Amino acid sequence: MSVSLKILVSICLVLNIVPYVFSIKCWNCRSSNDPKCADPFDNSTVPITDCKQERGLSHLPGVRPSMCRKIRQKVNGEWRYFRDCAYLGEVGIQGDERFCLMRTGTYNIFIEYCTCNSKDGCNSSSIFSPLPFTAFLLTTAILKWLL
């Protein structure tokens, strides 16, 4: 295979992965304001937010959101859901966004914190897809085949 074709294929692969690194759009809602924000999620009345347009947080100067989050919490038997852009933390548990961080506390409190960055709107459901990892494996396999 010619060198120019290999370069062209490599550029195409990089350009397909770049949007996942530099920007993400996340659903933005609270179940206390919109019951459709709960599970099962109904995005018909929920805005999707371009996280790079977020103003930022005064207590985290210079930190930009790079992930989506979904928080599900139970306080005194009542379930609450929050979906938004996330500023800190890591994707999923050890990079696997299929898993969420779960904590329980006193006074009947339970919280599940899920973060993702695999695709726009990835905070829509309780099961996240590991697209960046799959894209990396696919890219590696294609590059090995080309070289």
N, C-alpha and C. Protein backbone atom coordinates (compact mmCIF):
# COMPACT_ATOMS: atom_id res chain seq x y z
N MET A 1 0.86 -1.17 0.00
CA MET A 1 0.00 0.00 0.00
C MET A 1 0.90 1.23 0.00
N SER A 2 0.53 2.23 -0.77
CA SER A 2 1.37 3.42 -0.90
C SER A 2 1.36 4.24 0.39
N VAL A 3 2.43 4.99 0.57
CA VAL A 3 2.58 5.82 1.77
C VAL A 3 1.50 6.90 1.81
N SER A 4 1.17 7.50 0.67
CA SER A 4 0.16 8.56 0.66
C SER A 4 -1.22 8.03 1.05
N LEU A 5 -1.56 6.81 0.67
CA LEU A 5 -2.85 6.22 1.06
C LEU A 5 -2.87 5.95 2.56
N LYS A 6 -1.75 5.49 3.10
CA LYS A 6 -1.66 5.25 4.54
C LYS A 6 -1.83 6.56 5.31
N ILE A 7 -1.22 7.62 4.82
CA ILE A 7 -1.33 8.93 5.48
C ILE A 7 -2.78 9.41 5.42
N LEU A 8 -3.42 9.25 4.27
CA LEU A 8 -4.81 9.67 4.11
C LEU A 8 -5.73 8.92 5.07
N VAL A 9 -5.55 7.61 5.17
CA VAL A 9 -6.38 6.80 6.08
C VAL A 9 -6.12 7.23 7.52
N SER A 10 -4.86 7.48 7.88
CA SER A 10 -4.54 7.90 9.24
C SER A 10 -5.18 9.25 9.58
N ILE A 11 -5.14 10.19 8.64
CA ILE A 11 -5.76 11.50 8.86
C ILE A 11 -7.26 11.35 9.05
N CYS A 12 -7.91 10.52 8.25
CA CYS A 12 -9.35 10.29 8.39
C CYS A 12 -9.69 9.72 9.76
N LEU A 13 -8.89 8.77 10.23
CA LEU A 13 -9.13 8.17 11.55
C LEU A 13 -8.99 9.21 12.65
N VAL A 14 -7.95 10.01 12.59
CA VAL A 14 -7.73 11.04 13.61
C VAL A 14 -8.88 12.04 13.60
N LEU A 15 -9.32 12.47 12.42
CA LEU A 15 -10.40 13.45 12.33
C LEU A 15 -11.72 12.90 12.85
N ASN A 16 -11.91 11.59 12.80
CA ASN A 16 -13.14 10.99 13.34
C ASN A 16 -13.10 10.87 14.85
N ILE A 17 -11.92 10.84 15.44
CA ILE A 17 -11.81 10.69 16.89
C ILE A 17 -11.70 12.05 17.58
N VAL A 18 -11.16 13.06 16.91
CA VAL A 18 -10.94 14.38 17.50
C VAL A 18 -12.18 14.98 18.16
N PRO A 19 -13.39 14.90 17.55
CA PRO A 19 -14.55 15.51 18.21
C PRO A 19 -14.82 14.95 19.60
N TYR A 20 -14.46 13.70 19.86
CA TYR A 20 -14.71 13.12 21.17
C TYR A 20 -13.76 13.69 22.22
N VAL A 21 -12.62 14.22 21.77
CA VAL A 21 -11.62 14.72 22.69
C VAL A 21 -11.87 16.19 23.04
N PHE A 22 -12.28 17.00 22.06
CA PHE A 22 -12.32 18.44 22.24
C PHE A 22 -13.68 19.01 22.62
N SER A 23 -14.76 18.32 22.41
CA SER A 23 -16.05 18.87 22.79
C SER A 23 -17.04 17.74 23.02
N ILE A 24 -18.02 18.06 23.82
CA ILE A 24 -19.08 17.09 24.08
C ILE A 24 -20.35 17.85 24.43
N LYS A 25 -21.47 17.28 24.05
CA LYS A 25 -22.77 17.84 24.40
C LYS A 25 -23.45 16.89 25.36
N CYS A 26 -24.03 17.47 26.40
CA CYS A 26 -24.65 16.65 27.45
C CYS A 26 -26.08 17.12 27.70
N TRP A 27 -26.92 16.20 28.11
CA TRP A 27 -28.27 16.55 28.53
C TRP A 27 -28.16 17.33 29.82
N ASN A 28 -29.03 18.30 30.00
CA ASN A 28 -28.97 19.18 31.16
C ASN A 28 -30.36 19.29 31.77
N CYS A 29 -30.57 18.63 32.90
CA CYS A 29 -31.88 18.68 33.55
C CYS A 29 -31.80 18.21 34.99
N ARG A 30 -32.89 18.45 35.70
CA ARG A 30 -33.08 17.97 37.08
C ARG A 30 -34.50 17.41 37.16
N SER A 31 -34.63 16.28 37.75
CA SER A 31 -35.96 15.67 37.84
C SER A 31 -36.90 16.48 38.72
N SER A 32 -36.36 17.32 39.60
CA SER A 32 -37.23 18.16 40.44
C SER A 32 -37.93 19.24 39.59
N ASN A 33 -37.32 19.63 38.47
CA ASN A 33 -37.92 20.61 37.56
C ASN A 33 -38.66 19.97 36.40
N ASP A 34 -38.20 18.80 35.97
CA ASP A 34 -38.79 18.12 34.82
C ASP A 34 -38.81 16.62 35.09
N PRO A 35 -39.97 16.03 35.34
CA PRO A 35 -40.04 14.60 35.64
C PRO A 35 -39.51 13.71 34.51
N LYS A 36 -39.42 14.25 33.29
CA LYS A 36 -38.89 13.46 32.16
C LYS A 36 -37.38 13.24 32.28
N CYS A 37 -36.74 13.94 33.20
CA CYS A 37 -35.30 13.79 33.43
C CYS A 37 -34.99 12.48 34.16
N ALA A 38 -35.98 11.91 34.83
CA ALA A 38 -35.78 10.67 35.58
C ALA A 38 -35.62 9.50 34.61
N ASP A 39 -35.45 8.32 35.14
CA ASP A 39 -35.39 7.10 34.32
C ASP A 39 -36.75 6.45 34.32
N PRO A 40 -37.27 6.01 33.19
CA PRO A 40 -36.66 6.08 31.87
C PRO A 40 -36.61 7.53 31.38
N PHE A 41 -35.48 7.90 30.76
CA PHE A 41 -35.21 9.26 30.33
C PHE A 41 -35.98 9.59 29.06
N ASP A 42 -36.63 10.74 29.05
CA ASP A 42 -37.37 11.22 27.87
C ASP A 42 -36.82 12.60 27.54
N ASN A 43 -36.04 12.69 26.47
CA ASN A 43 -35.38 13.95 26.16
C ASN A 43 -36.22 14.90 25.32
N SER A 44 -37.51 14.66 25.19
CA SER A 44 -38.35 15.50 24.34
C SER A 44 -38.47 16.93 24.85
N THR A 45 -38.28 17.16 26.14
CA THR A 45 -38.37 18.52 26.67
C THR A 45 -37.07 18.97 27.33
N VAL A 46 -36.02 18.20 27.16
CA VAL A 46 -34.76 18.46 27.84
C VAL A 46 -33.74 19.03 26.85
N PRO A 47 -33.09 20.14 27.22
CA PRO A 47 -32.09 20.70 26.31
C PRO A 47 -30.78 19.92 26.34
N ILE A 48 -30.10 19.89 25.21
CA ILE A 48 -28.74 19.34 25.19
C ILE A 48 -27.80 20.54 25.16
N THR A 49 -26.78 20.49 25.99
CA THR A 49 -25.88 21.62 26.18
C THR A 49 -24.52 21.32 25.59
N ASP A 50 -23.97 22.25 24.82
CA ASP A 50 -22.60 22.15 24.33
C ASP A 50 -21.70 22.56 25.49
N CYS A 51 -20.97 21.62 26.06
CA CYS A 51 -20.21 21.88 27.28
C CYS A 51 -19.11 22.92 27.08
N LYS A 52 -18.61 23.08 25.86
CA LYS A 52 -17.58 24.10 25.67
C LYS A 52 -18.16 25.50 25.76
N GLN A 53 -19.49 25.64 25.72
CA GLN A 53 -20.15 26.93 25.87
C GLN A 53 -20.48 27.25 27.33
N GLU A 54 -20.25 26.32 28.23
CA GLU A 54 -20.53 26.55 29.65
C GLU A 54 -19.62 27.67 30.18
N ARG A 55 -20.12 28.47 31.09
CA ARG A 55 -19.39 29.62 31.63
C ARG A 55 -18.19 29.22 32.48
N GLY A 56 -18.21 28.06 33.04
CA GLY A 56 -17.16 27.67 33.96
C GLY A 56 -17.62 27.89 35.39
N LEU A 57 -16.84 27.43 36.33
CA LEU A 57 -17.18 27.53 37.74
C LEU A 57 -16.19 28.46 38.43
N SER A 58 -16.70 29.38 39.24
CA SER A 58 -15.83 30.37 39.89
C SER A 58 -14.81 29.72 40.83
N HIS A 59 -15.17 28.60 41.44
CA HIS A 59 -14.24 27.95 42.37
C HIS A 59 -13.26 27.02 41.67
N LEU A 60 -13.40 26.87 40.32
CA LEU A 60 -12.46 26.06 39.53
C LEU A 60 -11.99 26.88 38.32
N PRO A 61 -11.24 27.95 38.54
CA PRO A 61 -10.84 28.80 37.41
C PRO A 61 -9.96 28.03 36.42
N GLY A 62 -10.29 28.18 35.16
CA GLY A 62 -9.51 27.53 34.10
C GLY A 62 -9.89 26.09 33.81
N VAL A 63 -10.74 25.50 34.63
CA VAL A 63 -11.17 24.11 34.41
C VAL A 63 -12.40 24.12 33.53
N ARG A 64 -12.37 23.34 32.45
CA ARG A 64 -13.47 23.26 31.50
C ARG A 64 -14.13 21.89 31.61
N PRO A 65 -15.44 21.79 31.35
CA PRO A 65 -16.10 20.48 31.38
C PRO A 65 -15.63 19.63 30.21
N SER A 66 -15.39 18.37 30.47
CA SER A 66 -14.91 17.47 29.43
C SER A 66 -15.70 16.16 29.38
N MET A 67 -16.70 16.03 30.23
CA MET A 67 -17.48 14.81 30.31
C MET A 67 -18.93 15.16 30.57
N CYS A 68 -19.78 14.16 30.46
CA CYS A 68 -21.17 14.27 30.88
C CYS A 68 -21.33 13.49 32.18
N ARG A 69 -22.33 13.87 32.94
CA ARG A 69 -22.58 13.14 34.18
C ARG A 69 -24.08 12.93 34.35
N LYS A 70 -24.36 11.89 35.06
CA LYS A 70 -25.73 11.62 35.49
C LYS A 70 -25.62 11.22 36.95
N ILE A 71 -26.39 11.90 37.77
CA ILE A 71 -26.41 11.58 39.19
C ILE A 71 -27.81 11.11 39.54
N ARG A 72 -27.86 9.97 40.19
CA ARG A 72 -29.13 9.42 40.67
C ARG A 72 -28.98 9.30 42.17
N GLN A 73 -29.86 9.96 42.91
CA GLN A 73 -29.76 9.88 44.36
C GLN A 73 -31.11 9.61 44.99
N LYS A 74 -31.04 8.90 46.09
CA LYS A 74 -32.24 8.59 46.86
C LYS A 74 -32.05 9.18 48.24
N VAL A 75 -32.94 10.09 48.59
CA VAL A 75 -32.89 10.74 49.90
C VAL A 75 -34.24 10.54 50.56
N ASN A 76 -34.23 9.86 51.69
CA ASN A 76 -35.46 9.55 52.43
C ASN A 76 -36.52 8.92 51.53
N GLY A 77 -36.11 7.98 50.70
CA GLY A 77 -37.04 7.24 49.86
C GLY A 77 -37.44 7.92 48.56
N GLU A 78 -36.97 9.14 48.33
CA GLU A 78 -37.33 9.88 47.10
C GLU A 78 -36.15 9.89 46.13
N TRP A 79 -36.40 9.46 44.87
CA TRP A 79 -35.36 9.44 43.85
C TRP A 79 -35.27 10.79 43.16
N ARG A 80 -34.04 11.25 42.93
CA ARG A 80 -33.77 12.50 42.22
C ARG A 80 -32.72 12.22 41.14
N TYR A 81 -32.84 12.88 40.01
CA TYR A 81 -31.92 12.69 38.89
C TYR A 81 -31.38 14.04 38.45
N PHE A 82 -30.09 14.07 38.13
CA PHE A 82 -29.43 15.27 37.64
C PHE A 82 -28.58 14.86 36.43
N ARG A 83 -28.67 15.58 35.36
CA ARG A 83 -27.86 15.35 34.16
C ARG A 83 -27.23 16.68 33.77
N ASP A 84 -25.91 16.66 33.48
CA ASP A 84 -25.21 17.92 33.19
C ASP A 84 -23.81 17.63 32.68
N CYS A 85 -23.07 18.71 32.35
CA CYS A 85 -21.66 18.61 32.00
C CYS A 85 -20.86 18.39 33.28
N ALA A 86 -19.76 17.65 33.19
CA ALA A 86 -18.92 17.36 34.36
C ALA A 86 -17.55 18.00 34.18
N TYR A 87 -17.05 18.59 35.25
CA TYR A 87 -15.78 19.31 35.23
C TYR A 87 -14.61 18.48 35.74
N LEU A 88 -14.83 17.67 36.75
CA LEU A 88 -13.75 16.93 37.39
C LEU A 88 -14.07 15.45 37.44
N GLY A 89 -13.06 14.66 37.73
CA GLY A 89 -13.24 13.23 37.88
C GLY A 89 -12.70 12.49 36.68
N GLU A 90 -13.00 11.23 36.64
CA GLU A 90 -12.59 10.40 35.52
C GLU A 90 -13.81 9.69 34.96
N VAL A 91 -13.69 9.24 33.74
CA VAL A 91 -14.79 8.57 33.08
C VAL A 91 -15.03 7.22 33.74
N GLY A 92 -16.28 6.97 34.14
CA GLY A 92 -16.65 5.68 34.72
C GLY A 92 -15.80 5.30 35.91
N ILE A 93 -15.52 4.02 36.01
CA ILE A 93 -14.62 3.50 37.03
C ILE A 93 -13.43 2.92 36.30
N GLN A 94 -12.27 3.45 36.58
CA GLN A 94 -11.02 3.08 35.91
C GLN A 94 -11.16 3.18 34.39
N GLY A 95 -11.85 4.22 33.94
CA GLY A 95 -11.98 4.49 32.52
C GLY A 95 -13.09 3.74 31.81
N ASP A 96 -13.80 2.87 32.49
CA ASP A 96 -14.88 2.10 31.88
C ASP A 96 -16.22 2.73 32.26
N GLU A 97 -16.83 3.45 31.31
CA GLU A 97 -18.04 4.19 31.63
C GLU A 97 -19.29 3.33 31.74
N ARG A 98 -19.16 2.04 31.60
CA ARG A 98 -20.30 1.16 31.85
C ARG A 98 -20.59 1.05 33.35
N PHE A 99 -19.63 1.47 34.16
CA PHE A 99 -19.76 1.35 35.61
C PHE A 99 -19.84 2.72 36.26
N CYS A 100 -20.64 2.83 37.29
CA CYS A 100 -20.85 4.09 37.99
C CYS A 100 -20.37 3.96 39.43
N LEU A 101 -19.99 5.08 40.00
CA LEU A 101 -19.58 5.13 41.39
C LEU A 101 -20.82 5.17 42.26
N MET A 102 -20.91 4.27 43.23
CA MET A 102 -22.09 4.20 44.12
C MET A 102 -21.66 4.37 45.56
N ARG A 103 -22.45 5.14 46.28
CA ARG A 103 -22.18 5.38 47.69
C ARG A 103 -23.49 5.34 48.47
N THR A 104 -23.42 4.87 49.69
CA THR A 104 -24.57 4.92 50.59
C THR A 104 -24.14 5.66 51.85
N GLY A 105 -25.09 6.25 52.50
CA GLY A 105 -24.79 6.99 53.72
C GLY A 105 -25.85 6.75 54.77
N THR A 106 -25.72 7.48 55.83
CA THR A 106 -26.70 7.37 56.90
C THR A 106 -27.98 8.08 56.49
N TYR A 107 -29.01 7.88 57.24
CA TYR A 107 -30.31 8.52 57.02
C TYR A 107 -30.91 8.17 55.65
N ASN A 108 -30.74 6.92 55.23
CA ASN A 108 -31.38 6.43 54.01
C ASN A 108 -30.97 7.24 52.77
N ILE A 109 -29.67 7.48 52.61
CA ILE A 109 -29.15 8.21 51.45
C ILE A 109 -28.35 7.27 50.58
N PHE A 110 -28.62 7.31 49.27
CA PHE A 110 -27.91 6.50 48.27
C PHE A 110 -27.60 7.42 47.09
N ILE A 111 -26.38 7.31 46.53
CA ILE A 111 -26.04 8.12 45.36
C ILE A 111 -25.28 7.27 44.35
N GLU A 112 -25.62 7.46 43.09
CA GLU A 112 -24.93 6.81 41.98
C GLU A 112 -24.45 7.93 41.05
N TYR A 113 -23.15 7.97 40.79
CA TYR A 113 -22.54 9.04 40.02
C TYR A 113 -21.92 8.42 38.78
N CYS A 114 -22.45 8.75 37.59
CA CYS A 114 -21.98 8.19 36.33
C CYS A 114 -21.39 9.29 35.47
N THR A 115 -20.21 9.05 34.91
CA THR A 115 -19.59 10.01 34.00
C THR A 115 -19.24 9.31 32.70
N CYS A 116 -19.31 10.08 31.61
CA CYS A 116 -19.03 9.50 30.29
C CYS A 116 -18.54 10.59 29.35
N ASN A 117 -17.88 10.17 28.28
CA ASN A 117 -17.48 11.10 27.23
C ASN A 117 -17.41 10.40 25.88
N SER A 118 -18.12 9.29 25.74
CA SER A 118 -18.04 8.49 24.52
C SER A 118 -18.77 9.11 23.34
N LYS A 119 -19.81 9.89 23.61
CA LYS A 119 -20.56 10.51 22.52
C LYS A 119 -21.44 11.61 23.10
N ASP A 120 -21.91 12.50 22.23
CA ASP A 120 -22.84 13.54 22.67
C ASP A 120 -24.09 12.89 23.26
N GLY A 121 -24.55 13.42 24.38
CA GLY A 121 -25.75 12.91 25.02
C GLY A 121 -25.57 11.57 25.70
N CYS A 122 -24.33 11.20 26.02
CA CYS A 122 -24.09 9.88 26.63
C CYS A 122 -24.67 9.77 28.03
N ASN A 123 -25.10 10.86 28.63
CA ASN A 123 -25.70 10.80 29.97
C ASN A 123 -27.21 10.61 29.91
N SER A 124 -27.67 9.99 28.83
CA SER A 124 -29.12 9.81 28.67
C SER A 124 -29.64 8.57 29.37
N SER A 125 -28.84 7.53 29.47
CA SER A 125 -29.35 6.28 30.03
C SER A 125 -28.41 5.76 31.09
N SER A 126 -28.80 4.65 31.70
CA SER A 126 -27.98 4.08 32.75
C SER A 126 -26.86 3.20 32.22
N ILE A 127 -26.92 2.84 30.94
CA ILE A 127 -25.87 2.02 30.34
C ILE A 127 -25.13 2.87 29.32
N PHE A 128 -23.83 3.08 29.55
CA PHE A 128 -23.02 3.89 28.66
C PHE A 128 -22.23 2.98 27.73
N SER A 129 -21.95 3.47 26.52
CA SER A 129 -21.17 2.67 25.58
C SER A 129 -19.71 3.10 25.60
N PRO A 130 -18.80 2.16 25.56
CA PRO A 130 -17.37 2.48 25.61
C PRO A 130 -16.82 2.80 24.23
N LEU A 131 -17.34 3.81 23.55
CA LEU A 131 -16.95 4.13 22.18
C LEU A 131 -15.49 4.56 22.03
N PRO A 132 -14.91 5.41 22.89
CA PRO A 132 -13.52 5.78 22.68
C PRO A 132 -12.58 4.59 22.72
N PHE A 133 -12.79 3.67 23.63
CA PHE A 133 -11.94 2.49 23.72
C PHE A 133 -12.09 1.63 22.46
N THR A 134 -13.32 1.45 22.00
CA THR A 134 -13.57 0.68 20.78
C THR A 134 -12.93 1.36 19.58
N ALA A 135 -13.04 2.69 19.48
CA ALA A 135 -12.42 3.43 18.38
C ALA A 135 -10.91 3.27 18.42
N PHE A 136 -10.33 3.29 19.62
CA PHE A 136 -8.89 3.11 19.74
C PHE A 136 -8.47 1.73 19.25
N LEU A 137 -9.19 0.69 19.67
CA LEU A 137 -8.86 -0.66 19.22
C LEU A 137 -8.99 -0.80 17.70
N LEU A 138 -10.06 -0.24 17.16
CA LEU A 138 -10.28 -0.30 15.72
C LEU A 138 -9.17 0.44 14.97
N THR A 139 -8.81 1.62 15.45
CA THR A 139 -7.73 2.39 14.83
C THR A 139 -6.41 1.63 14.87
N THR A 140 -6.10 1.03 16.00
CA THR A 140 -4.86 0.27 16.14
C THR A 140 -4.84 -0.92 15.17
N ALA A 141 -5.97 -1.63 15.08
CA ALA A 141 -6.05 -2.78 14.18
C ALA A 141 -5.88 -2.35 12.72
N ILE A 142 -6.50 -1.25 12.32
CA ILE A 142 -6.40 -0.79 10.94
C ILE A 142 -4.98 -0.34 10.63
N LEU A 143 -4.38 0.40 11.56
CA LEU A 143 -3.01 0.86 11.33
C LEU A 143 -2.03 -0.31 11.23
N LYS A 144 -2.21 -1.33 12.04
CA LYS A 144 -1.35 -2.52 11.94
C LYS A 144 -1.54 -3.19 10.59
N TRP A 145 -2.79 -3.22 10.13
CA TRP A 145 -3.08 -3.85 8.84
C TRP A 145 -2.44 -3.05 7.70
N LEU A 146 -2.49 -1.70 7.82
CA LEU A 146 -1.93 -0.85 6.77
C LEU A 146 -0.42 -0.89 6.75
N LEU A 147 0.18 -1.00 7.91
CA LEU A 147 1.64 -0.98 7.98
C LEU A 147 2.16 -2.37 7.82
